[in-house]
């Protein structure tokens, strides 16, 4: 019985220890290509005066675009786009 509790505790810890904003970058790339590049190119992610400096601020910005464009993305889709941008432009 003790062994089962230990295994459960480890699984619980591993689950809680995973990144809070782990999106699917492949899905994010697809959504980005379908929705974002029509408004702006990738230069917005690489300019010197960019305001995004963390994954949480990137998610906030992607969600802001989601609301303004009315894409209707769910949270996991917002996080997927943020994961794609974070990996490819922001190095988060």
Protein backbone atom coordinates (compact mmCIF):
# COMPACT_ATOMS: atom_id res chain seq x y z
CA UNK A 1 0.00 0.00 0.00
CA UNK A 2 2.81 2.40 0.85
CA UNK A 3 4.41 1.76 -2.56
CA UNK A 4 1.13 2.70 -4.31
CA UNK A 5 0.93 5.97 -2.41
CA UNK A 6 4.50 6.79 -3.31
CA UNK A 7 3.87 6.13 -7.00
CA UNK A 8 0.71 8.26 -6.85
CA UNK A 9 2.66 11.02 -5.13
CA UNK A 10 5.31 10.93 -7.82
CA UNK A 11 2.71 11.05 -10.59
CA UNK A 12 0.98 13.95 -8.86
CA UNK A 13 4.27 15.80 -8.46
CA UNK A 14 5.25 15.23 -12.09
CA UNK A 15 1.84 16.45 -13.25
CA UNK A 16 2.06 19.56 -11.12
CA UNK A 17 5.65 20.17 -12.13
CA UNK A 18 4.88 20.40 -15.84
CA UNK A 19 4.96 23.80 -17.53
CA UNK A 20 1.83 25.83 -16.88
CA UNK A 21 1.63 27.00 -20.49
CA UNK A 22 2.64 24.00 -22.54
CA UNK A 23 0.98 24.53 -25.91
CA UNK A 24 1.40 22.57 -29.12
CA UNK A 25 3.82 24.55 -31.32
CA UNK A 26 2.78 22.67 -34.49
CA UNK A 27 -0.86 23.65 -33.97
CA UNK A 28 0.32 27.15 -33.07
CA UNK A 29 2.21 27.48 -36.34
CA UNK A 30 -0.87 26.45 -38.31
CA UNK A 31 -3.13 28.90 -36.43
CA UNK A 32 -0.52 31.65 -36.80
CA UNK A 33 -0.29 31.15 -40.56
CA UNK A 34 -4.07 31.11 -40.94
CA UNK A 35 -4.79 34.17 -38.78
CA UNK A 36 -1.84 36.34 -37.84
CA UNK A 37 0.23 36.91 -40.96
CA UNK A 38 -2.66 38.65 -42.69
CA UNK A 39 -2.28 41.57 -40.22
CA UNK A 40 1.49 41.65 -39.78
CA UNK A 41 4.66 39.87 -40.72
CA UNK A 42 7.18 38.31 -38.39
CA UNK A 43 9.09 41.60 -37.99
CA UNK A 44 6.78 42.47 -35.11
CA UNK A 45 8.37 39.64 -33.08
CA UNK A 46 11.97 40.65 -33.74
CA UNK A 47 11.92 44.43 -33.49
CA UNK A 48 14.16 46.08 -30.89
CA UNK A 49 11.34 47.80 -29.00
CA UNK A 50 9.14 44.72 -28.55
CA UNK A 51 7.19 44.68 -25.33
CA UNK A 52 6.88 40.92 -24.85
CA UNK A 53 9.51 39.74 -22.41
CA UNK A 54 8.03 36.58 -20.88
CA UNK A 55 5.79 33.68 -21.78
CA UNK A 56 2.95 35.10 -19.70
CA UNK A 57 3.13 38.47 -21.49
CA UNK A 58 3.26 36.62 -24.83
CA UNK A 59 0.11 34.68 -23.94
CA UNK A 60 -1.55 37.96 -22.93
CA UNK A 61 -0.62 39.53 -26.27
CA UNK A 62 -1.77 36.52 -28.32
CA UNK A 63 -5.05 36.55 -26.40
CA UNK A 64 -5.42 40.29 -27.08
CA UNK A 65 -5.10 39.59 -30.80
CA UNK A 66 -7.52 36.68 -30.45
CA UNK A 67 -10.16 38.96 -28.94
CA UNK A 68 -9.55 41.86 -31.35
CA UNK A 69 -9.68 39.63 -34.42
CA UNK A 70 -12.55 37.54 -33.12
CA UNK A 71 -10.83 34.27 -34.01
CA UNK A 72 -12.67 32.46 -31.23
CA UNK A 73 -9.62 30.51 -30.11
CA UNK A 74 -9.86 28.51 -26.93
CA UNK A 75 -7.17 28.84 -24.23
CA UNK A 76 -5.27 25.81 -25.55
CA UNK A 77 -5.13 27.38 -29.02
CA UNK A 78 -3.88 30.70 -27.61
CA UNK A 79 -1.22 28.75 -25.70
CA UNK A 80 -0.31 26.81 -28.86
CA UNK A 81 0.31 30.04 -30.80
CA UNK A 82 2.31 31.41 -27.87
CA UNK A 83 4.34 28.18 -27.74
CA UNK A 84 5.10 28.46 -31.47
CA UNK A 85 6.12 32.12 -31.17
CA UNK A 86 8.07 31.48 -27.99
CA UNK A 87 10.11 28.70 -29.59
CA UNK A 88 10.68 30.40 -32.93
CA UNK A 89 11.06 34.10 -32.11
CA UNK A 90 11.31 34.80 -28.39
CA UNK A 91 13.39 31.83 -27.23
CA UNK A 92 11.22 31.20 -24.17
